[in-house]
Amino acid sequence: GGHHLFLAYDGGEPTPVGFVSGVETTHPDKGT
């Protein structure tokens, strides 16, 4: 939960040409 990975593709090509990953972090006094 809270882990995200997006892949970028060029047109109809099957191999990704880029990605970004992110992780949600939550703290009791700050939120997410």
PDB file of all heavy atoms in Angstrom:
ATOM      1  N   GLY A   1       0.828  -1.202   0.000  1.00  0.00           N
ATOM      2  CA  GLY A   1       0.000   0.000   0.000  1.00  0.00           C
ATOM      3  C   GLY A   1       0.865   1.255   0.000  1.00  0.00           C
ATOM      4  O   GLY A   1       1.901   1.296   0.667  1.00  0.00           O
ATOM      5  N   GLY A   2       0.461   2.250  -0.757  1.00  0.00           N
ATOM      6  CA  GLY A   2       1.185   3.505  -0.787  1.00  0.00           C
ATOM      7  C   GLY A   2       2.431   3.511  -1.649  1.00  0.00           C
ATOM      8  O   GLY A   2       3.173   4.491  -1.648  1.00  0.00           O
ATOM      9  N   HIS A   3       2.675   2.441  -2.385  1.00  0.00           N
ATOM     10  CA  HIS A   3       3.815   2.370  -3.306  1.00  0.00           C
ATOM     11  C   HIS A   3       3.289   2.490  -4.732  1.00  0.00           C
ATOM     12  O   HIS A   3       2.328   1.797  -5.094  1.00  0.00           O
ATOM     13  CB  HIS A   3       4.554   1.041  -3.145  1.00  0.00           C
ATOM     14  CG  HIS A   3       5.351   0.955  -1.882  1.00  0.00           C
ATOM     15  ND1 HIS A   3       4.782   1.025  -0.643  1.00  0.00           N
ATOM     16  CD2 HIS A   3       6.678   0.804  -1.689  1.00  0.00           C
ATOM     17  CE1 HIS A   3       5.734   0.922   0.277  1.00  0.00           C
ATOM     18  NE2 HIS A   3       6.890   0.788  -0.333  1.00  0.00           N
ATOM     19  N   HIS A   4       3.923   3.341  -5.530  1.00  0.00           N
ATOM     20  CA  HIS A   4       3.421   3.641  -6.869  1.00  0.00           C
ATOM     21  C   HIS A   4       4.565   3.628  -7.882  1.00  0.00           C
ATOM     22  O   HIS A   4       5.644   4.153  -7.605  1.00  0.00           O
ATOM     23  CB  HIS A   4       2.740   5.011  -6.885  1.00  0.00           C
ATOM     24  CG  HIS A   4       1.785   5.194  -5.749  1.00  0.00           C
ATOM     25  ND1 HIS A   4       0.530   4.611  -5.747  1.00  0.00           N
ATOM     26  CD2 HIS A   4       1.901   5.856  -4.571  1.00  0.00           C
ATOM     27  CE1 HIS A   4      -0.084   4.927  -4.618  1.00  0.00           C
ATOM     28  NE2 HIS A   4       0.728   5.680  -3.887  1.00  0.00           N
ATOM     29  N   LEU A   5       4.309   3.033  -9.032  1.00  0.00           N
ATOM     30  CA  LEU A   5       5.293   2.991 -10.111  1.00  0.00           C
ATOM     31  C   LEU A   5       4.563   3.207 -11.427  1.00  0.00           C
ATOM     32  O   LEU A   5       3.655   2.451 -11.777  1.00  0.00           O
ATOM     33  CB  LEU A   5       6.018   1.640 -10.134  1.00  0.00           C
ATOM     34  CG  LEU A   5       7.079   1.445 -11.209  1.00  0.00           C
ATOM     35  CD1 LEU A   5       8.249   2.396 -11.019  1.00  0.00           C
ATOM     36  CD2 LEU A   5       7.584   0.010 -11.198  1.00  0.00           C
ATOM     37  N   PHE A   6       4.931   4.283 -12.119  1.00  0.00           N
ATOM     38  CA  PHE A   6       4.366   4.588 -13.426  1.00  0.00           C
ATOM     39  C   PHE A   6       5.427   4.371 -14.487  1.00  0.00           C
ATOM     40  O   PHE A   6       6.585   4.778 -14.312  1.00  0.00           O
ATOM     41  CB  PHE A   6       3.866   6.035 -13.492  1.00  0.00           C
ATOM     42  CG  PHE A   6       2.663   6.287 -12.638  1.00  0.00           C
ATOM     43  CD1 PHE A   6       2.794   6.842 -11.377  1.00  0.00           C
ATOM     44  CD2 PHE A   6       1.393   5.957 -13.092  1.00  0.00           C
ATOM     45  CE1 PHE A   6       1.692   7.081 -10.583  1.00  0.00           C
ATOM     46  CE2 PHE A   6       0.278   6.187 -12.301  1.00  0.00           C
ATOM     47  CZ  PHE A   6       0.428   6.748 -11.049  1.00  0.00           C
ATOM     48  N   LEU A   7       5.032   3.730 -15.587  1.00  0.00           N
ATOM     49  CA  LEU A   7       5.919   3.473 -16.714  1.00  0.00           C
ATOM     50  C   LEU A   7       5.476   4.308 -17.906  1.00  0.00           C
ATOM     51  O   LEU A   7       4.278   4.484 -18.135  1.00  0.00           O
ATOM     52  CB  LEU A   7       5.876   1.993 -17.093  1.00  0.00           C
ATOM     53  CG  LEU A   7       6.321   1.017 -16.003  1.00  0.00           C
ATOM     54  CD1 LEU A   7       5.987  -0.414 -16.405  1.00  0.00           C
ATOM     55  CD2 LEU A   7       7.798   1.177 -15.703  1.00  0.00           C
ATOM     56  N   ALA A   8       6.441   4.812 -18.658  1.00  0.00           N
ATOM     57  CA  ALA A   8       6.161   5.594 -19.864  1.00  0.00           C
ATOM     58  C   ALA A   8       6.538   4.760 -21.083  1.00  0.00           C
ATOM     59  O   ALA A   8       7.586   4.118 -21.111  1.00  0.00           O
ATOM     60  CB  ALA A   8       6.964   6.886 -19.851  1.00  0.00           C
ATOM     61  N   TYR A   9       5.672   4.806 -22.073  1.00  0.00           N
ATOM     62  CA  TYR A   9       5.877   4.079 -23.324  1.00  0.00           C
ATOM     63  C   TYR A   9       5.823   5.061 -24.481  1.00  0.00           C
ATOM     64  O   TYR A   9       5.079   6.043 -24.450  1.00  0.00           O
ATOM     65  CB  TYR A   9       4.787   3.016 -23.514  1.00  0.00           C
ATOM     66  CG  TYR A   9       4.820   1.943 -22.465  1.00  0.00           C
ATOM     67  CD1 TYR A   9       4.152   2.111 -21.253  1.00  0.00           C
ATOM     68  CD2 TYR A   9       5.523   0.764 -22.668  1.00  0.00           C
ATOM     69  CE1 TYR A   9       4.182   1.128 -20.276  1.00  0.00           C
ATOM     70  CE2 TYR A   9       5.560  -0.223 -21.696  1.00  0.00           C
ATOM     71  CZ  TYR A   9       4.891  -0.036 -20.509  1.00  0.00           C
ATOM     72  OH  TYR A   9       4.921  -1.001 -19.545  1.00  0.00           O
ATOM     73  N   ASP A  10       6.599   4.788 -25.517  1.00  0.00           N
ATOM     74  CA  ASP A  10       6.601   5.609 -26.732  1.00  0.00           C
ATOM     75  C   ASP A  10       5.685   4.941 -27.745  1.00  0.00           C
ATOM     76  O   ASP A  10       6.001   3.869 -28.269  1.00  0.00           O
ATOM     77  CB  ASP A  10       8.014   5.731 -27.283  1.00  0.00           C
ATOM     78  CG  ASP A  10       8.097   6.621 -28.513  1.00  0.00           C
ATOM     79  OD1 ASP A  10       7.125   7.342 -28.807  1.00  0.00           O
ATOM     80  OD2 ASP A  10       9.139   6.597 -29.180  1.00  0.00           O
ATOM     81  N   GLY A  11       4.541   5.574 -28.010  1.00  0.00           N
ATOM     82  CA  GLY A  11       3.588   5.012 -28.966  1.00  0.00           C
ATOM     83  C   GLY A  11       3.171   3.614 -28.554  1.00  0.00           C
ATOM     84  O   GLY A  11       2.853   3.355 -27.408  1.00  0.00           O
ATOM     85  N   GLY A  12       3.210   2.697 -29.486  1.00  0.00           N
ATOM     86  CA  GLY A  12       2.804   1.320 -29.225  1.00  0.00           C
ATOM     87  C   GLY A  12       3.952   0.401 -28.864  1.00  0.00           C
ATOM     88  O   GLY A  12       3.783  -0.815 -28.843  1.00  0.00           O
ATOM     89  N   GLU A  13       5.133   0.970 -28.589  1.00  0.00           N
ATOM     90  CA  GLU A  13       6.287   0.135 -28.248  1.00  0.00           C
ATOM     91  C   GLU A  13       6.052  -0.631 -26.945  1.00  0.00           C
ATOM     92  O   GLU A  13       5.492  -0.078 -25.999  1.00  0.00           O
ATOM     93  CB  GLU A  13       7.543   0.995 -28.126  1.00  0.00           C
ATOM     94  CG  GLU A  13       7.966   1.657 -29.419  1.00  0.00           C
ATOM     95  CD  GLU A  13       8.363   0.656 -30.488  1.00  0.00           C
ATOM     96  OE1 GLU A  13       9.023  -0.344 -30.171  1.00  0.00           O
ATOM     97  OE2 GLU A  13       7.981   0.875 -31.651  1.00  0.00           O
ATOM     98  N   PRO A  14       6.507  -1.892 -26.868  1.00  0.00           N
ATOM     99  CA  PRO A  14       6.262  -2.693 -25.672  1.00  0.00           C
ATOM    100  C   PRO A  14       7.235  -2.432 -24.516  1.00  0.00           C
ATOM    101  O   PRO A  14       6.947  -2.793 -23.383  1.00  0.00           O
ATOM    102  CB  PRO A  14       6.421  -4.128 -26.178  1.00  0.00           C
ATOM    103  CG  PRO A  14       7.391  -4.001 -27.311  1.00  0.00           C
ATOM    104  CD  PRO A  14       7.102  -2.667 -27.954  1.00  0.00           C
ATOM    105  N   THR A  15       8.378  -1.819 -24.795  1.00  0.00           N
ATOM    106  CA  THR A  15       9.385  -1.596 -23.760  1.00  0.00           C
ATOM    107  C   THR A  15       9.254  -0.186 -23.185  1.00  0.00           C
ATOM    108  O   THR A  15       9.243   0.785 -23.942  1.00  0.00           O
ATOM    109  CB  THR A  15      10.802  -1.790 -24.337  1.00  0.00           C
ATOM    110  OG1 THR A  15      10.891  -3.100 -24.894  1.00  0.00           O
ATOM    111  CG2 THR A  15      11.863  -1.632 -23.262  1.00  0.00           C
ATOM    112  N   PRO A  16       9.188  -0.064 -21.864  1.00  0.00           N
ATOM    113  CA  PRO A  16       9.097   1.266 -21.263  1.00  0.00           C
ATOM    114  C   PRO A  16      10.334   2.108 -21.582  1.00  0.00           C
ATOM    115  O   PRO A  16      11.443   1.585 -21.700  1.00  0.00           O
ATOM    116  CB  PRO A  16       9.026   0.978 -19.763  1.00  0.00           C
ATOM    117  CG  PRO A  16       8.594  -0.440 -19.651  1.00  0.00           C
ATOM    118  CD  PRO A  16       9.143  -1.133 -20.856  1.00  0.00           C
ATOM    119  N   VAL A  17      10.132   3.423 -21.706  1.00  0.00           N
ATOM    120  CA  VAL A  17      11.237   4.344 -21.984  1.00  0.00           C
ATOM    121  C   VAL A  17      11.484   5.292 -20.802  1.00  0.00           C
ATOM    122  O   VAL A  17      12.379   6.135 -20.871  1.00  0.00           O
ATOM    123  CB  VAL A  17      11.000   5.147 -23.283  1.00  0.00           C
ATOM    124  CG1 VAL A  17      10.950   4.198 -24.475  1.00  0.00           C
ATOM    125  CG2 VAL A  17       9.746   5.994 -23.209  1.00  0.00           C
ATOM    126  N   GLY A  18      10.713   5.131 -19.743  1.00  0.00           N
ATOM    127  CA  GLY A  18      10.912   5.929 -18.546  1.00  0.00           C
ATOM    128  C   GLY A  18      10.024   5.432 -17.426  1.00  0.00           C
ATOM    129  O   GLY A  18       9.095   4.656 -17.659  1.00  0.00           O
ATOM    130  N   PHE A  19      10.348   5.853 -16.213  1.00  0.00           N
ATOM    131  CA  PHE A  19       9.488   5.508 -15.075  1.00  0.00           C
ATOM    132  C   PHE A  19       9.667   6.535 -13.976  1.00  0.00           C
ATOM    133  O   PHE A  19      10.666   7.257 -13.914  1.00  0.00           O
ATOM    134  CB  PHE A  19       9.785   4.101 -14.540  1.00  0.00           C
ATOM    135  CG  PHE A  19      11.011   4.001 -13.663  1.00  0.00           C
ATOM    136  CD1 PHE A  19      10.931   4.228 -12.296  1.00  0.00           C
ATOM    137  CD2 PHE A  19      12.241   3.672 -14.196  1.00  0.00           C
ATOM    138  CE1 PHE A  19      12.061   4.145 -11.482  1.00  0.00           C
ATOM    139  CE2 PHE A  19      13.371   3.585 -13.412  1.00  0.00           C
ATOM    140  CZ  PHE A  19      13.284   3.821 -12.045  1.00  0.00           C
ATOM    141  N   VAL A  20       8.688   6.588 -13.106  1.00  0.00           N
ATOM    142  CA  VAL A  20       8.774   7.332 -11.858  1.00  0.00           C
ATOM    143  C   VAL A  20       8.165   6.449 -10.774  1.00  0.00           C
ATOM    144  O   VAL A  20       7.168   5.760 -11.011  1.00  0.00           O
ATOM    145  CB  VAL A  20       8.058   8.711 -11.934  1.00  0.00           C
ATOM    146  CG1 VAL A  20       6.554   8.560 -12.088  1.00  0.00           C
ATOM    147  CG2 VAL A  20       8.406   9.579 -10.730  1.00  0.00           C
ATOM    148  N   SER A  21       8.800   6.452  -9.613  1.00  0.00           N
ATOM    149  CA  SER A  21       8.242   5.710  -8.486  1.00  0.00           C
ATOM    150  C   SER A  21       8.065   6.663  -7.313  1.00  0.00           C
ATOM    151  O   SER A  21       8.815   7.640  -7.159  1.00  0.00           O
ATOM    152  CB  SER A  21       9.141   4.532  -8.091  1.00  0.00           C
ATOM    153  OG  SER A  21      10.428   4.978  -7.696  1.00  0.00           O
ATOM    154  N   GLY A  22       7.060   6.368  -6.521  1.00  0.00           N
ATOM    155  CA  GLY A  22       6.779   7.178  -5.348  1.00  0.00           C
ATOM    156  C   GLY A  22       6.283   6.333  -4.209  1.00  0.00           C
ATOM    157  O   GLY A  22       5.713   5.258  -4.423  1.00  0.00           O
ATOM    158  N   VAL A  23       6.522   6.810  -2.998  1.00  0.00           N
ATOM    159  CA  VAL A  23       6.096   6.107  -1.793  1.00  0.00           C
ATOM    160  C   VAL A  23       5.441   7.118  -0.863  1.00  0.00           C
ATOM    161  O   VAL A  23       6.017   8.165  -0.566  1.00  0.00           O
ATOM    162  CB  VAL A  23       7.292   5.433  -1.081  1.00  0.00           C
ATOM    163  CG1 VAL A  23       6.849   4.754   0.210  1.00  0.00           C
ATOM    164  CG2 VAL A  23       7.985   4.431  -2.004  1.00  0.00           C
ATOM    165  N   GLU A  24       4.234   6.815  -0.432  1.00  0.00           N
ATOM    166  CA  GLU A  24       3.544   7.664   0.531  1.00  0.00           C
ATOM    167  C   GLU A  24       4.137   7.419   1.915  1.00  0.00           C
ATOM    168  O   GLU A  24       4.342   6.274   2.309  1.00  0.00           O
ATOM    169  CB  GLU A  24       2.059   7.332   0.566  1.00  0.00           C
ATOM    170  CG  GLU A  24       1.334   7.653  -0.715  1.00  0.00           C
ATOM    171  CD  GLU A  24      -0.107   7.207  -0.695  1.00  0.00           C
ATOM    172  OE1 GLU A  24      -0.786   7.385   0.346  1.00  0.00           O
ATOM    173  OE2 GLU A  24      -0.553   6.663  -1.722  1.00  0.00           O
ATOM    174  N   THR A  25       4.423   8.507   2.610  1.00  0.00           N
ATOM    175  CA  THR A  25       4.903   8.410   3.979  1.00  0.00           C
ATOM    176  C   THR A  25       3.949   9.186   4.877  1.00  0.00           C
ATOM    177  O   THR A  25       3.548  10.297   4.544  1.00  0.00           O
ATOM    178  CB  THR A  25       6.344   8.961   4.124  1.00  0.00           C
ATOM    179  OG1 THR A  25       6.354  10.330   3.740  1.00  0.00           O
ATOM    180  CG2 THR A  25       7.310   8.183   3.255  1.00  0.00           C
ATOM    181  N   THR A  26       3.577   8.577   5.991  1.00  0.00           N
ATOM    182  CA  THR A  26       2.611   9.186   6.901  1.00  0.00           C
ATOM    183  C   THR A  26       3.237   9.329   8.282  1.00  0.00           C
ATOM    184  O   THR A  26       3.900   8.405   8.766  1.00  0.00           O
ATOM    185  CB  THR A  26       1.336   8.326   6.994  1.00  0.00           C
ATOM    186  OG1 THR A  26       0.793   8.187   5.678  1.00  0.00           O
ATOM    187  CG2 THR A  26       0.298   8.958   7.905  1.00  0.00           C
ATOM    188  N   HIS A  27       3.007  10.473   8.891  1.00  0.00           N
ATOM    189  CA  HIS A  27       3.496  10.727  10.248  1.00  0.00           C
ATOM    190  C   HIS A  27       2.332  11.217  11.092  1.00  0.00           C
ATOM    191  O   HIS A  27       1.465  11.937  10.584  1.00  0.00           O
ATOM    192  CB  HIS A  27       4.620  11.779  10.201  1.00  0.00           C
ATOM    193  CG  HIS A  27       5.457  11.762  11.426  1.00  0.00           C
ATOM    194  ND1 HIS A  27       5.198  12.552  12.516  1.00  0.00           N
ATOM    195  CD2 HIS A  27       6.545  11.030  11.739  1.00  0.00           C
ATOM    196  CE1 HIS A  27       6.093  12.325  13.456  1.00  0.00           C
ATOM    197  NE2 HIS A  27       6.929  11.402  13.014  1.00  0.00           N
ATOM    198  N   PRO A  28       2.298  10.840  12.381  1.00  0.00           N
ATOM    199  CA  PRO A  28       1.148  11.176  13.209  1.00  0.00           C
ATOM    200  C   PRO A  28       0.799  12.657  13.302  1.00  0.00           C
ATOM    201  O   PRO A  28      -0.369  13.018  13.458  1.00  0.00           O
ATOM    202  CB  PRO A  28       1.536  10.643  14.602  1.00  0.00           C
ATOM    203  CG  PRO A  28       2.510   9.556  14.324  1.00  0.00           C
ATOM    204  CD  PRO A  28       3.262   9.997  13.101  1.00  0.00           C
ATOM    205  N   ASP A  29       1.790  13.545  13.209  1.00  0.00           N
ATOM    206  CA  ASP A  29       1.481  14.963  13.359  1.00  0.00           C
ATOM    207  C   ASP A  29       1.547  15.753  12.053  1.00  0.00           C
ATOM    208  O   ASP A  29       1.363  16.959  12.047  1.00  0.00           O
ATOM    209  CB  ASP A  29       2.411  15.619  14.397  1.00  0.00           C
ATOM    210  CG  ASP A  29       3.850  15.699  13.926  1.00  0.00           C
ATOM    211  OD1 ASP A  29       4.259  14.883  13.080  1.00  0.00           O
ATOM    212  OD2 ASP A  29       4.578  16.585  14.405  1.00  0.00           O
ATOM    213  N   LYS A  30       1.788  15.060  10.954  1.00  0.00           N
ATOM    214  CA  LYS A  30       1.934  15.772   9.686  1.00  0.00           C
ATOM    215  C   LYS A  30       0.947  15.309   8.621  1.00  0.00           C
ATOM    216  O   LYS A  30       0.657  16.040   7.693  1.00  0.00           O
ATOM    217  CB  LYS A  30       3.360  15.619   9.162  1.00  0.00           C
ATOM    218  CG  LYS A  30       4.396  16.311  10.033  1.00  0.00           C
ATOM    219  CD  LYS A  30       5.792  16.046   9.528  1.00  0.00           C
ATOM    220  CE  LYS A  30       6.821  16.675  10.422  1.00  0.00           C
ATOM    221  NZ  LYS A  30       6.900  16.122  11.760  1.00  0.00           N
ATOM    222  N   GLY A  31       0.512  14.086   8.691  1.00  0.00           N
ATOM    223  CA  GLY A  31      -0.313  13.526   7.630  1.00  0.00           C
ATOM    224  C   GLY A  31       0.555  12.783   6.636  1.00  0.00           C
ATOM    225  O   GLY A  31       1.634  12.299   6.978  1.00  0.00           O
ATOM    226  N   THR A  32       0.099  12.737   5.388  1.00  0.00           N
ATOM    227  CA  THR A  32       0.779  11.931   4.366  1.00  0.00           C
ATOM    228  C   THR A  32       1.371  12.830   3.291  1.00  0.00           C
ATOM    229  O   THR A  32       0.724  13.752   2.813  1.00  0.00           O
ATOM    230  CB  THR A  32      -0.214  10.939   3.732  1.00  0.00           C
ATOM    231  OG1 THR A  32      -0.743  10.106   4.772  1.00  0.00           O
ATOM    232  CG2 THR A  32       0.466  10.064   2.701  1.00  0.00           C
TER     233      THR A  32
END
